[in-house]
Amino acid sequence: MNANVVGRQIKWHELKTWPEVFGWSLSGTKMFEARMNDRDFMPGDFLLLREWNPITEKYTGRSISRQILYILEDGQFGLPQNMVIMQLAMA
């Protein structure tokens, strides 16, 4: 997955993130994202992490963006099928 992506158009992926996890990402404590690979995530792409309140079922209005640096794919190191762990850069 971490092959050269020259010539590929960078994509933006908008993702819901619950408040506690959003706080860790915002502070820089959490510099990875584990997700189902249902969006063709690639190194160089960007994630738009939008804080989502599961109680009110609404976005809070806070968001951050992070670029994907590296991806561990399904099957690597025992990851379940169709799961990825993405290493993220600070904005």
C-alpha atoms as a PDB file:
ATOM      1  CA  MET A   1       0.000   0.000   0.000  1.00  0.00           C
ATOM      2  CA  ASN A   2       2.879   2.355   0.677  1.00  0.00           C
ATOM      3  CA  ALA A   3       4.094   2.390  -2.890  1.00  0.00           C
ATOM      4  CA  ASN A   4       4.827   5.553  -4.810  1.00  0.00           C
ATOM      5  CA  VAL A   5       1.605   7.476  -5.418  1.00  0.00           C
ATOM      6  CA  VAL A   6       3.020   9.956  -7.917  1.00  0.00           C
ATOM      7  CA  GLY A   7       0.427  10.926 -10.501  1.00  0.00           C
ATOM      8  CA  ARG A   8      -2.525   9.916  -8.310  1.00  0.00           C
ATOM      9  CA  GLN A   9      -4.883  12.697  -7.312  1.00  0.00           C
ATOM     10  CA  ILE A  10      -4.932  13.354  -3.571  1.00  0.00           C
ATOM     11  CA  LYS A  11      -8.280  12.559  -1.953  1.00  0.00           C
ATOM     12  CA  TRP A  12      -9.992  14.037   1.107  1.00  0.00           C
ATOM     13  CA  HIS A  13     -11.895  11.627   3.355  1.00  0.00           C
ATOM     14  CA  GLU A  14     -14.416  13.098   5.819  1.00  0.00           C
ATOM     15  CA  LEU A  15     -14.775  10.982   8.976  1.00  0.00           C
ATOM     16  CA  LYS A  16     -16.901  11.195  12.121  1.00  0.00           C
ATOM     17  CA  THR A  17     -14.851  11.149  15.329  1.00  0.00           C
ATOM     18  CA  TRP A  18     -16.293  10.874  18.828  1.00  0.00           C
ATOM     19  CA  PRO A  19     -15.384  13.650  21.324  1.00  0.00           C
ATOM     20  CA  GLU A  20     -12.849  11.790  23.504  1.00  0.00           C
ATOM     21  CA  VAL A  21     -10.971  10.415  20.506  1.00  0.00           C
ATOM     22  CA  PHE A  22     -11.177  13.786  18.740  1.00  0.00           C
ATOM     23  CA  GLY A  23      -9.522  15.416  21.769  1.00  0.00           C
ATOM     24  CA  TRP A  24      -6.613  12.971  21.624  1.00  0.00           C
ATOM     25  CA  SER A  25      -6.158  13.672  17.900  1.00  0.00           C
ATOM     26  CA  LEU A  26      -6.412  17.428  18.440  1.00  0.00           C
ATOM     27  CA  SER A  27      -3.742  17.390  21.170  1.00  0.00           C
ATOM     28  CA  GLY A  28      -1.370  15.237  19.104  1.00  0.00           C
ATOM     29  CA  THR A  29      -1.533  12.338  21.581  1.00  0.00           C
ATOM     30  CA  LYS A  30      -3.146  10.076  18.954  1.00  0.00           C
ATOM     31  CA  MET A  31      -1.287  10.162  15.640  1.00  0.00           C
ATOM     32  CA  PHE A  32      -2.992   7.214  13.956  1.00  0.00           C
ATOM     33  CA  GLU A  33      -6.439   6.245  12.740  1.00  0.00           C
ATOM     34  CA  ALA A  34      -7.813   2.683  12.600  1.00  0.00           C
ATOM     35  CA  ARG A  35     -10.718   2.247  10.194  1.00  0.00           C
ATOM     36  CA  MET A  36     -12.421  -0.097   7.807  1.00  0.00           C
ATOM     37  CA  ASN A  37     -10.792   0.393   4.409  1.00  0.00           C
ATOM     38  CA  ASP A  38     -14.023   1.258   2.630  1.00  0.00           C
ATOM     39  CA  ARG A  39     -12.709   4.491   1.076  1.00  0.00           C
ATOM     40  CA  ASP A  40      -9.503   3.460  -0.714  1.00  0.00           C
ATOM     41  CA  PHE A  41      -7.249   5.295   1.763  1.00  0.00           C
ATOM     42  CA  MET A  42      -3.766   5.960   0.371  1.00  0.00           C
ATOM     43  CA  PRO A  43      -0.592   7.650   1.662  1.00  0.00           C
ATOM     44  CA  GLY A  44      -0.717  11.321   0.734  1.00  0.00           C
ATOM     45  CA  ASP A  45      -4.500  11.550   1.152  1.00  0.00           C
ATOM     46  CA  PHE A  46      -6.012  13.751   3.850  1.00  0.00           C
ATOM     47  CA  LEU A  47      -8.500  12.929   6.577  1.00  0.00           C
ATOM     48  CA  LEU A  48     -10.975  15.557   7.716  1.00  0.00           C
ATOM     49  CA  LEU A  49     -11.826  14.429  11.244  1.00  0.00           C
ATOM     50  CA  ARG A  50     -15.107  16.012  12.360  1.00  0.00           C
ATOM     51  CA  GLU A  51     -16.105  15.793  15.996  1.00  0.00           C
ATOM     52  CA  TRP A  52     -19.426  13.946  16.334  1.00  0.00           C
ATOM     53  CA  ASN A  53     -21.527  13.813  19.491  1.00  0.00           C
ATOM     54  CA  PRO A  54     -23.193  10.385  19.639  1.00  0.00           C
ATOM     55  CA  ILE A  55     -25.684  11.547  22.292  1.00  0.00           C
ATOM     56  CA  THR A  56     -27.078  14.493  20.301  1.00  0.00           C
ATOM     57  CA  GLU A  57     -26.268  12.797  16.964  1.00  0.00           C
ATOM     58  CA  LYS A  58     -24.857  16.086  15.660  1.00  0.00           C
ATOM     59  CA  TYR A  59     -21.486  17.493  14.684  1.00  0.00           C
ATOM     60  CA  THR A  60     -20.002  19.827  17.303  1.00  0.00           C
ATOM     61  CA  GLY A  61     -18.500  22.202  14.730  1.00  0.00           C
ATOM     62  CA  ARG A  62     -14.886  21.272  15.534  1.00  0.00           C
ATOM     63  CA  SER A  63     -12.708  19.573  12.924  1.00  0.00           C
ATOM     64  CA  ILE A  64      -9.057  18.944  12.113  1.00  0.00           C
ATOM     65  CA  SER A  65      -7.237  17.672   9.054  1.00  0.00           C
ATOM     66  CA  ARG A  66      -4.371  15.196   8.999  1.00  0.00           C
ATOM     67  CA  GLN A  67      -2.374  13.777   6.096  1.00  0.00           C
ATOM     68  CA  ILE A  68      -1.852  10.012   5.838  1.00  0.00           C
ATOM     69  CA  LEU A  69       1.855   9.154   5.963  1.00  0.00           C
ATOM     70  CA  TYR A  70       1.832   5.354   6.089  1.00  0.00           C
ATOM     71  CA  ILE A  71      -0.749   2.560   6.083  1.00  0.00           C
ATOM     72  CA  LEU A  72      -0.763  -0.915   7.597  1.00  0.00           C
ATOM     73  CA  GLU A  73      -3.239  -3.008   5.630  1.00  0.00           C
ATOM     74  CA  ASP A  74      -5.492  -5.945   6.401  1.00  0.00           C
ATOM     75  CA  GLY A  75      -3.533  -9.080   7.078  1.00  0.00           C
ATOM     76  CA  GLN A  76      -0.380  -7.223   8.175  1.00  0.00           C
ATOM     77  CA  PHE A  77       0.532  -7.922  11.801  1.00  0.00           C
ATOM     78  CA  GLY A  78      -2.757  -9.748  12.315  1.00  0.00           C
ATOM     79  CA  LEU A  79      -5.101  -6.930  11.257  1.00  0.00           C
ATOM     80  CA  PRO A  80      -8.594  -8.167  10.414  1.00  0.00           C
ATOM     81  CA  GLN A  81      -9.725  -8.298   6.790  1.00  0.00           C
ATOM     82  CA  ASN A  82     -10.470  -4.845   5.286  1.00  0.00           C
ATOM     83  CA  MET A  83      -8.991  -2.919   8.264  1.00  0.00           C
ATOM     84  CA  VAL A  84      -6.209  -0.350   8.066  1.00  0.00           C
ATOM     85  CA  ILE A  85      -4.161   1.618  10.570  1.00  0.00           C
ATOM     86  CA  MET A  86      -3.003   4.945   9.182  1.00  0.00           C
ATOM     87  CA  GLN A  87      -0.057   6.921  10.533  1.00  0.00           C
ATOM     88  CA  LEU A  88      -0.980  10.620  10.467  1.00  0.00           C
ATOM     89  CA  ALA A  89       1.097  13.777  10.190  1.00  0.00           C
ATOM     90  CA  MET A  90       0.567  16.817  12.377  1.00  0.00           C
ATOM     91  CA  ALA A  91      -1.083  19.690  10.523  1.00  0.00           C
END
